């Protein structure tokens, strides 16, 4: 990803440098009905914080 600056990690709340290793996670909310109009959201997640992301997603359900 060619971004500079920083963003807040969705899972940990820490600041993540976009110049360094990180994950860009795309979430898709299931759609109901025939048109399949999915809702998408993109999150920045710090490198090494995938376990925290799992916990964060489970808490949001």
Protein backbone atom coordinates (compact mmCIF):
# COMPACT_ATOMS: atom_id res chain seq x y z
CA UNK A 1 0.00 0.00 0.00
CA UNK A 2 1.46 3.34 -0.99
CA UNK A 3 0.35 5.55 1.87
CA UNK A 4 2.32 7.71 4.20
CA UNK A 5 1.44 8.95 7.66
CA UNK A 6 -0.23 6.93 10.36
CA UNK A 7 -3.58 5.47 11.35
CA UNK A 8 -5.09 4.05 14.50
CA UNK A 9 -5.15 0.25 14.70
CA UNK A 10 -8.78 -0.85 14.96
CA UNK A 11 -7.89 -3.78 17.20
CA UNK A 12 -5.41 -2.23 19.65
CA UNK A 13 -5.97 1.52 19.45
CA UNK A 14 -2.25 2.09 18.89
CA UNK A 15 -0.80 4.35 16.22
CA UNK A 16 0.39 2.45 13.12
CA UNK A 17 2.87 3.89 10.65
CA UNK A 18 1.51 3.36 7.16
CA UNK A 19 5.08 3.30 5.86
CA UNK A 20 5.77 0.13 7.89
CA UNK A 21 4.25 -3.35 7.97
CA UNK A 22 0.53 -3.43 8.71
CA UNK A 23 -2.65 -5.10 7.51
CA UNK A 24 -5.50 -3.51 5.60
CA UNK A 25 -8.53 -5.58 6.53
CA UNK A 26 -11.74 -5.42 4.52
CA UNK A 27 -14.88 -6.52 6.33
CA UNK A 28 -18.05 -7.41 4.46
CA UNK A 29 -21.42 -7.34 6.16
CA UNK A 30 -23.72 -10.01 4.73
CA UNK A 31 -26.60 -8.63 2.70
CA UNK A 32 -30.17 -9.77 2.91
CA UNK A 33 -32.34 -9.93 -0.15
CA UNK A 34 -31.83 -10.61 -3.80
CA UNK A 35 -29.69 -7.60 -4.74
CA UNK A 36 -26.75 -8.55 -2.51
CA UNK A 37 -25.84 -4.96 -1.70
CA UNK A 38 -23.00 -5.75 0.67
CA UNK A 39 -21.65 -3.18 3.11
CA UNK A 40 -17.86 -2.90 3.33
CA UNK A 41 -15.54 -1.35 5.88
CA UNK A 42 -11.74 -1.14 5.80
CA UNK A 43 -9.60 -1.25 8.94
CA UNK A 44 -5.91 -0.74 9.58
CA UNK A 45 -4.46 -3.40 11.87
CA UNK A 46 -0.95 -3.35 13.31
CA UNK A 47 1.47 -6.06 12.25
CA UNK A 48 1.30 -8.75 14.93
CA UNK A 49 -2.17 -7.77 16.16
CA UNK A 50 -4.26 -10.40 14.40
CA UNK A 51 -5.12 -12.16 17.68
CA UNK A 52 -6.38 -8.84 19.04
CA UNK A 53 -8.40 -8.39 15.84
CA UNK A 54 -10.04 -11.78 16.41
CA UNK A 55 -10.95 -10.75 19.96
CA UNK A 56 -12.22 -7.36 18.76
CA UNK A 57 -14.43 -8.94 16.10
CA UNK A 58 -15.89 -11.45 18.56
CA UNK A 59 -16.76 -8.65 20.98
CA UNK A 60 -18.58 -6.75 18.22
CA UNK A 61 -21.04 -9.53 17.40
